[in-house]
Amino acid sequence: MAQRRQHQRATRPGTPYPEALAAFTERVRLVTPGQWDSPTPCADWSVRELVNHLAGEQLWAPELLMGATISEVGTRFDGDVLGDDPVGAWTDAADAARQAWEVPGATELTVHLSFGDVSGQYYLDQLTTDLVIHSWDLAEGIGARTRLPAELVDFALGEFTGYGDLSGSGLFDPPLPVPEDAAPQTRLLALTGRRDGG
């Protein structure tokens, strides 16, 4: 999700990946049967498609951490990975990814992404930031509580600060103006073209 930048940049210890997984899982479990086709702030994705995107990302993690390349994994996680039990499929994918990251030394591995080789730490930071932003998207889509944990907001804001206009990636709308004294979540969402209504 995040734009490619200097791969060998210094990274902060303590990436809150488990907390980001938990925040997204909490919101997945709030989805009612009639909400899976509801729209989200991601214009191209319904609630189900958003959860499917994140589940697919988690399914990739164990494979990439074991040294697989994009071409070796191929199309295995393309299309629908949620099946008839979206909540269960998400939970299984999240659990597998979390366990893969708990292996000692995982953040020190070299991971083969589509644009080149990066450190495991870089990849983990990317996954975490994606979870944070999309937890808000999912909450918006289902009308749930959109206030995110401060730790997650601060982490993602630190990742995005300095990127400038992210809309050139095709993944985000242009950034929105906010007051200089806006709350951290408001500033984070504005950087990704989202308006914080909570």
N, C-alpha and C. Protein backbone atom coordinates (compact mmCIF):
# COMPACT_ATOMS: atom_id res chain seq x y z
N MET A 1 0.82 -1.20 0.00
CA MET A 1 0.00 0.00 0.00
C MET A 1 0.85 1.25 0.00
N ALA A 2 1.78 1.34 0.98
CA ALA A 2 2.59 2.55 1.06
C ALA A 2 3.50 2.66 -0.14
N GLN A 3 3.82 3.89 -0.50
CA GLN A 3 4.70 4.10 -1.63
C GLN A 3 6.09 3.55 -1.33
N ARG A 4 6.77 3.10 -2.41
CA ARG A 4 8.14 2.65 -2.24
C ARG A 4 9.01 3.83 -1.84
N ARG A 5 9.80 3.62 -0.84
CA ARG A 5 10.73 4.66 -0.41
C ARG A 5 12.06 4.01 -0.10
N GLN A 6 12.93 4.69 0.60
CA GLN A 6 14.25 4.14 0.88
C GLN A 6 14.11 2.90 1.76
N HIS A 7 14.44 1.74 1.21
CA HIS A 7 14.17 0.48 1.91
C HIS A 7 14.99 0.31 3.18
N GLN A 8 16.15 0.93 3.21
CA GLN A 8 17.02 0.72 4.36
C GLN A 8 16.85 1.79 5.43
N ARG A 9 15.73 2.51 5.36
CA ARG A 9 15.49 3.56 6.34
C ARG A 9 15.46 2.98 7.74
N ALA A 10 15.79 3.81 8.70
CA ALA A 10 15.68 3.37 10.10
C ALA A 10 14.22 3.18 10.45
N THR A 11 13.91 2.13 11.18
CA THR A 11 12.52 1.86 11.56
C THR A 11 12.40 1.93 13.07
N ARG A 12 11.23 2.34 13.50
CA ARG A 12 10.97 2.40 14.93
C ARG A 12 10.70 1.00 15.47
N PRO A 13 11.20 0.69 16.65
CA PRO A 13 10.86 -0.61 17.23
C PRO A 13 9.41 -0.63 17.68
N GLY A 14 8.89 -1.81 17.84
CA GLY A 14 7.56 -1.93 18.41
C GLY A 14 6.43 -1.63 17.45
N THR A 15 6.54 -2.06 16.20
CA THR A 15 5.44 -1.88 15.25
C THR A 15 4.18 -2.53 15.82
N PRO A 16 3.07 -1.77 15.94
CA PRO A 16 1.87 -2.31 16.61
C PRO A 16 1.00 -3.17 15.70
N TYR A 17 1.63 -4.13 15.04
CA TYR A 17 0.89 -5.00 14.13
C TYR A 17 -0.20 -5.81 14.84
N PRO A 18 0.09 -6.47 15.98
CA PRO A 18 -0.98 -7.24 16.64
C PRO A 18 -2.18 -6.35 17.01
N GLU A 19 -1.89 -5.14 17.46
CA GLU A 19 -2.98 -4.22 17.83
C GLU A 19 -3.77 -3.80 16.59
N ALA A 20 -3.09 -3.61 15.47
CA ALA A 20 -3.79 -3.24 14.23
C ALA A 20 -4.66 -4.40 13.74
N LEU A 21 -4.14 -5.61 13.84
CA LEU A 21 -4.96 -6.78 13.50
C LEU A 21 -6.20 -6.85 14.38
N ALA A 22 -6.01 -6.62 15.66
CA ALA A 22 -7.12 -6.70 16.61
C ALA A 22 -8.17 -5.64 16.31
N ALA A 23 -7.72 -4.43 15.95
CA ALA A 23 -8.67 -3.35 15.65
C ALA A 23 -9.50 -3.69 14.42
N PHE A 24 -8.86 -4.25 13.40
CA PHE A 24 -9.61 -4.62 12.21
C PHE A 24 -10.55 -5.79 12.50
N THR A 25 -10.05 -6.77 13.25
CA THR A 25 -10.87 -7.94 13.60
C THR A 25 -12.11 -7.52 14.38
N GLU A 26 -11.95 -6.59 15.31
CA GLU A 26 -13.08 -6.10 16.09
C GLU A 26 -14.18 -5.58 15.18
N ARG A 27 -13.80 -4.87 14.13
CA ARG A 27 -14.79 -4.29 13.22
C ARG A 27 -15.36 -5.33 12.27
N VAL A 28 -14.54 -6.31 11.86
CA VAL A 28 -15.07 -7.39 11.02
C VAL A 28 -16.19 -8.13 11.75
N ARG A 29 -16.01 -8.33 13.04
CA ARG A 29 -17.01 -9.08 13.81
C ARG A 29 -18.30 -8.30 14.03
N LEU A 30 -18.26 -7.00 13.74
CA LEU A 30 -19.47 -6.17 13.87
C LEU A 30 -20.29 -6.13 12.59
N VAL A 31 -19.76 -6.67 11.49
CA VAL A 31 -20.48 -6.63 10.22
C VAL A 31 -21.71 -7.53 10.31
N THR A 32 -22.86 -6.98 10.01
CA THR A 32 -24.09 -7.77 10.01
C THR A 32 -24.30 -8.40 8.63
N PRO A 33 -25.12 -9.45 8.54
CA PRO A 33 -25.31 -10.12 7.24
C PRO A 33 -25.70 -9.18 6.11
N GLY A 34 -26.47 -8.15 6.42
CA GLY A 34 -26.92 -7.24 5.38
C GLY A 34 -25.93 -6.15 5.00
N GLN A 35 -24.77 -6.13 5.64
CA GLN A 35 -23.81 -5.05 5.40
C GLN A 35 -22.65 -5.43 4.49
N TRP A 36 -22.53 -6.68 4.10
CA TRP A 36 -21.35 -7.09 3.33
C TRP A 36 -21.28 -6.41 1.97
N ASP A 37 -22.42 -6.02 1.42
CA ASP A 37 -22.41 -5.33 0.13
C ASP A 37 -22.47 -3.81 0.27
N SER A 38 -22.38 -3.31 1.48
CA SER A 38 -22.44 -1.87 1.71
C SER A 38 -21.19 -1.18 1.17
N PRO A 39 -21.31 0.08 0.72
CA PRO A 39 -20.13 0.80 0.23
C PRO A 39 -19.22 1.20 1.38
N THR A 40 -17.98 1.48 1.03
CA THR A 40 -16.99 1.97 1.99
C THR A 40 -16.36 3.24 1.42
N PRO A 41 -15.55 3.95 2.20
CA PRO A 41 -14.84 5.11 1.65
C PRO A 41 -13.89 4.76 0.51
N CYS A 42 -13.53 3.49 0.37
CA CYS A 42 -12.75 3.04 -0.79
C CYS A 42 -13.74 2.83 -1.94
N ALA A 43 -13.76 3.74 -2.88
CA ALA A 43 -14.83 3.81 -3.88
C ALA A 43 -15.03 2.50 -4.63
N ASP A 44 -13.98 1.75 -4.84
CA ASP A 44 -14.09 0.52 -5.64
C ASP A 44 -14.44 -0.71 -4.81
N TRP A 45 -14.54 -0.56 -3.49
CA TRP A 45 -14.71 -1.73 -2.64
C TRP A 45 -15.94 -1.63 -1.76
N SER A 46 -16.72 -2.71 -1.75
CA SER A 46 -17.77 -2.88 -0.75
C SER A 46 -17.12 -3.34 0.55
N VAL A 47 -17.94 -3.51 1.59
CA VAL A 47 -17.42 -4.03 2.85
C VAL A 47 -16.74 -5.38 2.63
N ARG A 48 -17.42 -6.26 1.91
CA ARG A 48 -16.84 -7.59 1.66
C ARG A 48 -15.53 -7.48 0.87
N GLU A 49 -15.51 -6.64 -0.14
CA GLU A 49 -14.30 -6.50 -0.95
C GLU A 49 -13.15 -5.91 -0.14
N LEU A 50 -13.46 -5.01 0.77
CA LEU A 50 -12.43 -4.43 1.64
C LEU A 50 -11.85 -5.50 2.55
N VAL A 51 -12.72 -6.28 3.20
CA VAL A 51 -12.24 -7.36 4.08
C VAL A 51 -11.47 -8.39 3.27
N ASN A 52 -11.94 -8.67 2.07
CA ASN A 52 -11.25 -9.63 1.20
C ASN A 52 -9.83 -9.14 0.87
N HIS A 53 -9.70 -7.86 0.60
CA HIS A 53 -8.39 -7.28 0.31
C HIS A 53 -7.43 -7.47 1.48
N LEU A 54 -7.89 -7.16 2.68
CA LEU A 54 -7.03 -7.29 3.85
C LEU A 54 -6.72 -8.75 4.16
N ALA A 55 -7.72 -9.64 3.97
CA ALA A 55 -7.48 -11.06 4.20
C ALA A 55 -6.42 -11.58 3.22
N GLY A 56 -6.53 -11.15 1.97
CA GLY A 56 -5.53 -11.56 1.00
C GLY A 56 -4.14 -11.10 1.39
N GLU A 57 -4.03 -9.88 1.88
CA GLU A 57 -2.72 -9.38 2.32
C GLU A 57 -2.14 -10.24 3.44
N GLN A 58 -2.99 -10.65 4.37
CA GLN A 58 -2.48 -11.47 5.48
C GLN A 58 -2.08 -12.86 4.98
N LEU A 59 -2.80 -13.39 4.00
CA LEU A 59 -2.46 -14.71 3.47
C LEU A 59 -1.09 -14.70 2.78
N TRP A 60 -0.74 -13.58 2.19
CA TRP A 60 0.56 -13.47 1.55
C TRP A 60 1.71 -13.50 2.55
N ALA A 61 1.49 -12.98 3.74
CA ALA A 61 2.59 -12.78 4.69
C ALA A 61 3.37 -14.05 5.01
N PRO A 62 2.74 -15.16 5.39
CA PRO A 62 3.53 -16.36 5.69
C PRO A 62 4.36 -16.83 4.50
N GLU A 63 3.79 -16.72 3.31
CA GLU A 63 4.50 -17.16 2.11
C GLU A 63 5.74 -16.29 1.86
N LEU A 64 5.56 -14.99 1.92
CA LEU A 64 6.68 -14.08 1.66
C LEU A 64 7.75 -14.17 2.74
N LEU A 65 7.33 -14.38 3.97
CA LEU A 65 8.31 -14.50 5.05
C LEU A 65 9.10 -15.80 4.97
N MET A 66 8.58 -16.78 4.25
CA MET A 66 9.32 -18.02 4.03
C MET A 66 10.21 -17.94 2.79
N GLY A 67 10.25 -16.74 2.17
CA GLY A 67 11.16 -16.53 1.05
C GLY A 67 10.56 -16.65 -0.32
N ALA A 68 9.25 -16.90 -0.41
CA ALA A 68 8.61 -17.03 -1.71
C ALA A 68 8.63 -15.70 -2.45
N THR A 69 8.66 -15.78 -3.77
CA THR A 69 8.55 -14.59 -4.59
C THR A 69 7.11 -14.41 -5.04
N ILE A 70 6.82 -13.23 -5.59
CA ILE A 70 5.47 -12.95 -6.09
C ILE A 70 5.09 -13.98 -7.15
N SER A 71 6.01 -14.28 -8.06
CA SER A 71 5.70 -15.22 -9.14
C SER A 71 5.49 -16.63 -8.62
N GLU A 72 6.20 -16.99 -7.56
CA GLU A 72 6.03 -18.33 -7.00
C GLU A 72 4.67 -18.51 -6.34
N VAL A 73 4.19 -17.47 -5.69
CA VAL A 73 2.84 -17.54 -5.10
C VAL A 73 1.78 -17.47 -6.20
N GLY A 74 2.08 -16.68 -7.22
CA GLY A 74 1.19 -16.62 -8.37
C GLY A 74 -0.19 -16.07 -8.05
N THR A 75 -1.21 -16.74 -8.52
CA THR A 75 -2.59 -16.26 -8.38
C THR A 75 -3.34 -16.93 -7.23
N ARG A 76 -2.58 -17.57 -6.36
CA ARG A 76 -3.23 -18.38 -5.30
C ARG A 76 -4.21 -17.57 -4.45
N PHE A 77 -3.90 -16.30 -4.22
CA PHE A 77 -4.75 -15.49 -3.35
C PHE A 77 -5.52 -14.42 -4.13
N ASP A 78 -5.63 -14.59 -5.43
CA ASP A 78 -6.44 -13.68 -6.23
C ASP A 78 -7.92 -13.99 -6.04
N GLY A 79 -8.75 -13.02 -6.35
CA GLY A 79 -10.20 -13.25 -6.28
C GLY A 79 -10.69 -13.34 -4.86
N ASP A 80 -11.79 -14.06 -4.68
CA ASP A 80 -12.44 -14.15 -3.38
C ASP A 80 -11.73 -15.16 -2.49
N VAL A 81 -11.27 -14.70 -1.33
CA VAL A 81 -10.64 -15.61 -0.37
C VAL A 81 -11.51 -15.79 0.88
N LEU A 82 -12.70 -15.18 0.88
CA LEU A 82 -13.57 -15.22 2.07
C LEU A 82 -14.56 -16.37 2.05
N GLY A 83 -14.97 -16.81 0.88
CA GLY A 83 -15.90 -17.93 0.80
C GLY A 83 -17.23 -17.67 1.48
N ASP A 84 -17.79 -18.73 2.06
CA ASP A 84 -19.11 -18.63 2.69
C ASP A 84 -19.05 -18.15 4.14
N ASP A 85 -17.86 -18.00 4.67
CA ASP A 85 -17.69 -17.59 6.06
C ASP A 85 -16.67 -16.46 6.13
N PRO A 86 -17.07 -15.24 5.78
CA PRO A 86 -16.10 -14.14 5.74
C PRO A 86 -15.38 -13.89 7.06
N VAL A 87 -16.13 -13.95 8.15
CA VAL A 87 -15.51 -13.68 9.45
C VAL A 87 -14.49 -14.77 9.78
N GLY A 88 -14.87 -16.02 9.56
CA GLY A 88 -13.96 -17.12 9.83
C GLY A 88 -12.73 -17.08 8.93
N ALA A 89 -12.94 -16.75 7.66
CA ALA A 89 -11.81 -16.68 6.72
C ALA A 89 -10.85 -15.57 7.10
N TRP A 90 -11.42 -14.41 7.49
CA TRP A 90 -10.55 -13.32 7.95
C TRP A 90 -9.76 -13.75 9.19
N THR A 91 -10.44 -14.36 10.15
CA THR A 91 -9.80 -14.76 11.41
C THR A 91 -8.66 -15.73 11.15
N ASP A 92 -8.89 -16.71 10.27
CA ASP A 92 -7.84 -17.69 9.96
C ASP A 92 -6.65 -17.02 9.29
N ALA A 93 -6.92 -16.10 8.36
CA ALA A 93 -5.83 -15.41 7.66
C ALA A 93 -5.03 -14.54 8.63
N ALA A 94 -5.74 -13.84 9.51
CA ALA A 94 -5.07 -12.98 10.48
C ALA A 94 -4.24 -13.80 11.46
N ASP A 95 -4.77 -14.91 11.92
CA ASP A 95 -4.03 -15.76 12.85
C ASP A 95 -2.76 -16.31 12.22
N ALA A 96 -2.87 -16.74 10.96
CA ALA A 96 -1.69 -17.30 10.28
C ALA A 96 -0.62 -16.23 10.10
N ALA A 97 -1.03 -15.03 9.74
CA ALA A 97 -0.07 -13.95 9.55
C ALA A 97 0.58 -13.56 10.87
N ARG A 98 -0.23 -13.44 11.91
CA ARG A 98 0.32 -13.07 13.22
C ARG A 98 1.35 -14.09 13.68
N GLN A 99 1.04 -15.38 13.52
CA GLN A 99 1.98 -16.42 13.91
C GLN A 99 3.26 -16.36 13.10
N ALA A 100 3.15 -16.02 11.82
CA ALA A 100 4.34 -15.92 10.98
C ALA A 100 5.25 -14.79 11.46
N TRP A 101 4.65 -13.69 11.89
CA TRP A 101 5.45 -12.55 12.36
C TRP A 101 6.02 -12.80 13.75
N GLU A 102 5.49 -13.76 14.48
CA GLU A 102 6.00 -14.06 15.82
C GLU A 102 7.26 -14.91 15.79
N VAL A 103 7.61 -15.44 14.62
CA VAL A 103 8.84 -16.23 14.50
C VAL A 103 10.04 -15.30 14.73
N PRO A 104 10.94 -15.64 15.65
CA PRO A 104 12.09 -14.78 15.91
C PRO A 104 12.88 -14.46 14.64
N GLY A 105 13.22 -13.19 14.48
CA GLY A 105 13.99 -12.78 13.32
C GLY A 105 13.18 -12.45 12.09
N ALA A 106 11.85 -12.52 12.17
CA ALA A 106 11.02 -12.29 10.99
C ALA A 106 11.25 -10.90 10.39
N THR A 107 11.43 -9.91 11.25
CA THR A 107 11.60 -8.54 10.74
C THR A 107 12.97 -8.32 10.10
N GLU A 108 13.87 -9.26 10.29
CA GLU A 108 15.22 -9.13 9.73
C GLU A 108 15.37 -9.87 8.40
N LEU A 109 14.32 -10.57 7.98
CA LEU A 109 14.38 -11.31 6.73
C LEU A 109 14.32 -10.36 5.54
N THR A 110 14.74 -10.86 4.40
CA THR A 110 14.54 -10.14 3.14
C THR A 110 13.26 -10.65 2.50
N VAL A 111 12.38 -9.73 2.16
CA VAL A 111 11.08 -10.07 1.58
C VAL A 111 11.04 -9.59 0.14
N HIS A 112 10.56 -10.46 -0.74
CA HIS A 112 10.52 -10.15 -2.17
C HIS A 112 9.14 -9.61 -2.53
N LEU A 113 9.04 -8.29 -2.62
CA LEU A 113 7.78 -7.67 -3.01
C LEU A 113 7.78 -7.38 -4.51
N SER A 114 6.66 -6.90 -5.01
CA SER A 114 6.51 -6.72 -6.46
C SER A 114 7.49 -5.69 -7.01
N PHE A 115 7.88 -4.70 -6.20
CA PHE A 115 8.76 -3.64 -6.68
C PHE A 115 10.22 -3.83 -6.27
N GLY A 116 10.51 -4.93 -5.58
CA GLY A 116 11.90 -5.18 -5.18
C GLY A 116 11.99 -5.81 -3.81
N ASP A 117 13.21 -6.05 -3.38
CA ASP A 117 13.46 -6.67 -2.08
C ASP A 117 13.48 -5.62 -0.99
N VAL A 118 12.81 -5.93 0.12
CA VAL A 118 12.75 -5.03 1.27
C VAL A 118 13.00 -5.84 2.53
N SER A 119 13.22 -5.16 3.62
CA SER A 119 13.38 -5.84 4.90
C SER A 119 12.01 -6.29 5.42
N GLY A 120 12.05 -7.30 6.27
CA GLY A 120 10.82 -7.72 6.92
C GLY A 120 10.19 -6.59 7.71
N GLN A 121 11.03 -5.75 8.32
CA GLN A 121 10.52 -4.62 9.10
C GLN A 121 9.73 -3.66 8.21
N TYR A 122 10.27 -3.37 7.05
CA TYR A 122 9.58 -2.48 6.10
C TYR A 122 8.21 -3.07 5.73
N TYR A 123 8.20 -4.35 5.41
CA TYR A 123 6.96 -5.04 5.03
C TYR A 123 5.96 -5.02 6.18
N LEU A 124 6.43 -5.27 7.39
CA LEU A 124 5.55 -5.26 8.55
C LEU A 124 4.94 -3.88 8.76
N ASP A 125 5.75 -2.84 8.64
CA ASP A 125 5.24 -1.47 8.79
C ASP A 125 4.18 -1.17 7.74
N GLN A 126 4.40 -1.65 6.52
CA GLN A 126 3.45 -1.43 5.44
C GLN A 126 2.11 -2.11 5.74
N LEU A 127 2.17 -3.37 6.16
CA LEU A 127 0.95 -4.10 6.50
C LEU A 127 0.19 -3.43 7.64
N THR A 128 0.92 -2.97 8.62
CA THR A 128 0.31 -2.35 9.79
C THR A 128 -0.41 -1.07 9.41
N THR A 129 0.23 -0.24 8.61
CA THR A 129 -0.38 1.02 8.19
C THR A 129 -1.64 0.77 7.38
N ASP A 130 -1.60 -0.24 6.52
CA ASP A 130 -2.77 -0.58 5.71
C ASP A 130 -3.94 -0.99 6.61
N LEU A 131 -3.65 -1.79 7.63
CA LEU A 131 -4.69 -2.21 8.56
C LEU A 131 -5.30 -1.02 9.29
N VAL A 132 -4.48 -0.07 9.68
CA VAL A 132 -4.99 1.09 10.42
C VAL A 132 -5.96 1.88 9.56
N ILE A 133 -5.54 2.25 8.36
CA ILE A 133 -6.39 3.05 7.48
C ILE A 133 -7.68 2.31 7.16
N HIS A 134 -7.57 1.03 6.85
CA HIS A 134 -8.76 0.29 6.45
C HIS A 134 -9.66 -0.09 7.62
N SER A 135 -9.14 -0.05 8.83
CA SER A 135 -10.03 -0.23 9.99
C SER A 135 -11.02 0.93 10.06
N TRP A 136 -10.53 2.12 9.77
CA TRP A 136 -11.43 3.28 9.72
C TRP A 136 -12.42 3.14 8.57
N ASP A 137 -11.93 2.71 7.41
CA ASP A 137 -12.82 2.53 6.25
C ASP A 137 -13.93 1.53 6.56
N LEU A 138 -13.56 0.43 7.20
CA LEU A 138 -14.54 -0.60 7.52
C LEU A 138 -15.56 -0.07 8.51
N ALA A 139 -15.09 0.64 9.52
CA ALA A 139 -16.01 1.21 10.51
C ALA A 139 -16.98 2.18 9.85
N GLU A 140 -16.48 3.00 8.94
CA GLU A 140 -17.36 3.91 8.20
C GLU A 140 -18.39 3.14 7.40
N GLY A 141 -17.96 2.06 6.76
CA GLY A 141 -18.85 1.30 5.91
C GLY A 141 -19.99 0.63 6.65
N ILE A 142 -19.75 0.28 7.90
CA ILE A 142 -20.79 -0.42 8.66
C ILE A 142 -21.42 0.46 9.73
N GLY A 143 -21.02 1.72 9.78
CA GLY A 143 -21.61 2.63 10.76
C GLY A 143 -21.21 2.33 12.18
N ALA A 144 -19.99 1.84 12.36
CA ALA A 144 -19.50 1.51 13.70
C ALA A 144 -18.60 2.63 14.21
N ARG A 145 -18.07 2.45 15.40
CA ARG A 145 -17.20 3.45 16.01
C ARG A 145 -15.95 3.63 15.17
N THR A 146 -15.70 4.86 14.74
CA THR A 146 -14.58 5.11 13.85
C THR A 146 -13.34 5.67 14.55
N ARG A 147 -13.43 5.89 15.87
CA ARG A 147 -12.26 6.40 16.58
C ARG A 147 -11.25 5.28 16.75
N LEU A 148 -10.05 5.46 16.24
CA LEU A 148 -9.02 4.43 16.28
C LEU A 148 -8.14 4.62 17.50
N PRO A 149 -7.52 3.54 17.99
CA PRO A 149 -6.59 3.66 19.12
C PRO A 149 -5.47 4.64 18.80
N ALA A 150 -5.13 5.48 19.77
CA ALA A 150 -4.14 6.53 19.55
C ALA A 150 -2.79 5.97 19.11
N GLU A 151 -2.40 4.83 19.66
CA GLU A 151 -1.11 4.23 19.29
C GLU A 151 -1.06 3.92 17.80
N LEU A 152 -2.17 3.39 17.27
CA LEU A 152 -2.22 3.04 15.86
C LEU A 152 -2.19 4.29 14.98
N VAL A 153 -2.94 5.30 15.40
CA VAL A 153 -2.98 6.55 14.64
C VAL A 153 -1.58 7.17 14.59
N ASP A 154 -0.92 7.23 15.74
CA ASP A 154 0.40 7.85 15.80
C ASP A 154 1.40 7.09 14.92
N PHE A 155 1.31 5.77 14.93
CA PHE A 155 2.22 4.98 14.11
C PHE A 155 1.98 5.25 12.62
N ALA A 156 0.74 5.16 12.19
CA ALA A 156 0.43 5.36 10.77
C ALA A 156 0.76 6.78 10.33
N LEU A 157 0.48 7.75 11.19
CA LEU A 157 0.80 9.14 10.86
C LEU A 157 2.30 9.31 10.68
N GLY A 158 3.07 8.65 11.52
CA GLY A 158 4.52 8.70 11.38
C GLY A 158 4.99 8.09 10.07
N GLU A 159 4.31 7.03 9.63
CA GLU A 159 4.66 6.40 8.37
C GLU A 159 4.34 7.30 7.18
N PHE A 160 3.19 7.97 7.24
CA PHE A 160 2.73 8.76 6.10
C PHE A 160 3.37 10.14 6.03
N THR A 161 3.73 10.69 7.17
CA THR A 161 4.28 12.05 7.18
C THR A 161 5.55 12.09 6.34
N GLY A 162 5.60 13.07 5.46
CA GLY A 162 6.75 13.20 4.59
C GLY A 162 6.55 12.61 3.21
N TYR A 163 5.47 11.85 3.03
CA TYR A 163 5.20 11.28 1.71
C TYR A 163 4.72 12.33 0.71
N GLY A 164 4.05 13.38 1.23
CA GLY A 164 3.47 14.36 0.32
C GLY A 164 2.16 13.83 -0.26
N ASP A 165 1.88 14.18 -1.50
CA ASP A 165 0.64 13.80 -2.17
C ASP A 165 0.73 12.33 -2.60
N LEU A 166 -0.08 11.48 -1.95
CA LEU A 166 -0.06 10.05 -2.23
C LEU A 166 -1.00 9.66 -3.37
N SER A 167 -1.75 10.61 -3.91
CA SER A 167 -2.76 10.27 -4.90
C SER A 167 -2.13 9.77 -6.20
N GLY A 168 -0.86 10.11 -6.44
CA GLY A 168 -0.20 9.65 -7.64
C GLY A 168 -0.04 8.14 -7.70
N SER A 169 -0.15 7.48 -6.55
CA SER A 169 -0.04 6.03 -6.51
C SER A 169 -1.27 5.34 -7.06
N GLY A 170 -2.37 6.08 -7.16
CA GLY A 170 -3.63 5.48 -7.57
C GLY A 170 -4.36 4.79 -6.44
N LEU A 171 -3.77 4.81 -5.25
CA LEU A 171 -4.37 4.13 -4.09
C LEU A 171 -5.16 5.08 -3.20
N PHE A 172 -4.95 6.39 -3.35
CA PHE A 172 -5.58 7.35 -2.47
C PHE A 172 -6.12 8.53 -3.27
N ASP A 173 -7.14 9.17 -2.70
CA ASP A 173 -7.59 10.45 -3.23
C ASP A 173 -6.58 11.52 -2.83
N PRO A 174 -6.61 12.67 -3.47
CA PRO A 174 -5.70 13.75 -3.08
C PRO A 174 -5.89 14.13 -1.61
N PRO A 175 -4.83 14.56 -0.95
CA PRO A 175 -4.94 14.94 0.47
C PRO A 175 -5.88 16.12 0.65
N LEU A 176 -6.51 16.17 1.81
CA LEU A 176 -7.46 17.22 2.12
C LEU A 176 -6.84 18.22 3.09
N PRO A 177 -7.19 19.49 2.96
CA PRO A 177 -6.65 20.48 3.90
C PRO A 177 -7.30 20.33 5.27
N VAL A 178 -6.51 20.48 6.31
CA VAL A 178 -7.02 20.45 7.68
C VAL A 178 -6.29 21.53 8.47
N PRO A 179 -6.89 22.01 9.55
CA PRO A 179 -6.20 23.00 10.39
C PRO A 179 -4.91 22.45 10.96
N GLU A 180 -3.98 23.33 11.23
CA GLU A 180 -2.69 22.90 11.77
C GLU A 180 -2.83 22.22 13.13
N ASP A 181 -3.88 22.59 13.87
CA ASP A 181 -4.07 22.00 15.19
C ASP A 181 -5.06 20.84 15.17
N ALA A 182 -5.33 20.27 13.98
CA ALA A 182 -6.26 19.15 13.88
C ALA A 182 -5.73 17.95 14.66
N ALA A 183 -6.66 17.12 15.13
CA ALA A 183 -6.28 15.93 15.88
C ALA A 183 -5.49 14.97 14.99
N PRO A 184 -4.65 14.14 15.60
CA PRO A 184 -3.83 13.21 14.81
C PRO A 184 -4.64 12.35 13.84
N GLN A 185 -5.78 11.79 14.28
CA GLN A 185 -6.56 10.95 13.36
C GLN A 185 -7.08 11.77 12.19
N THR A 186 -7.52 12.99 12.44
CA THR A 186 -8.00 13.85 11.36
C THR A 186 -6.88 14.11 10.36
N ARG A 187 -5.68 14.38 10.85
CA ARG A 187 -4.54 14.64 9.96
C ARG A 187 -4.16 13.39 9.18
N LEU A 188 -4.17 12.24 9.84
CA LEU A 188 -3.84 10.99 9.16
C LEU A 188 -4.82 10.72 8.01
N LEU A 189 -6.10 10.82 8.31
CA LEU A 189 -7.10 10.54 7.28
C LEU A 189 -7.03 11.53 6.14
N ALA A 190 -6.77 12.79 6.47
CA ALA A 190 -6.68 13.82 5.43
C ALA A 190 -5.53 13.54 4.47
N LEU A 191 -4.45 12.99 4.97
CA LEU A 191 -3.31 12.66 4.11
C LEU A 191 -3.68 11.62 3.07
N THR A 192 -4.69 10.80 3.37
CA THR A 192 -5.12 9.76 2.45
C THR A 192 -6.43 10.11 1.75
N GLY A 193 -6.81 11.40 1.80
CA GLY A 193 -8.00 11.84 1.09
C GLY A 193 -9.29 11.51 1.79
N ARG A 194 -9.25 11.27 3.09
CA ARG A 194 -10.44 10.92 3.85
C ARG A 194 -10.80 12.03 4.83
N ARG A 195 -12.09 12.23 5.03
CA ARG A 195 -12.58 13.25 5.94
C ARG A 195 -13.04 12.61 7.24
N ASP A 196 -12.42 12.98 8.32
CA ASP A 196 -12.75 12.40 9.62
C ASP A 196 -14.01 13.05 10.18
N GLY A 197 -15.08 12.28 10.26
CA GLY A 197 -16.32 12.82 10.76
C GLY A 197 -16.54 12.52 12.22
N GLY A 198 -15.61 11.75 12.84
CA GLY A 198 -15.83 11.34 14.22
C GLY A 198 -15.04 12.11 15.21
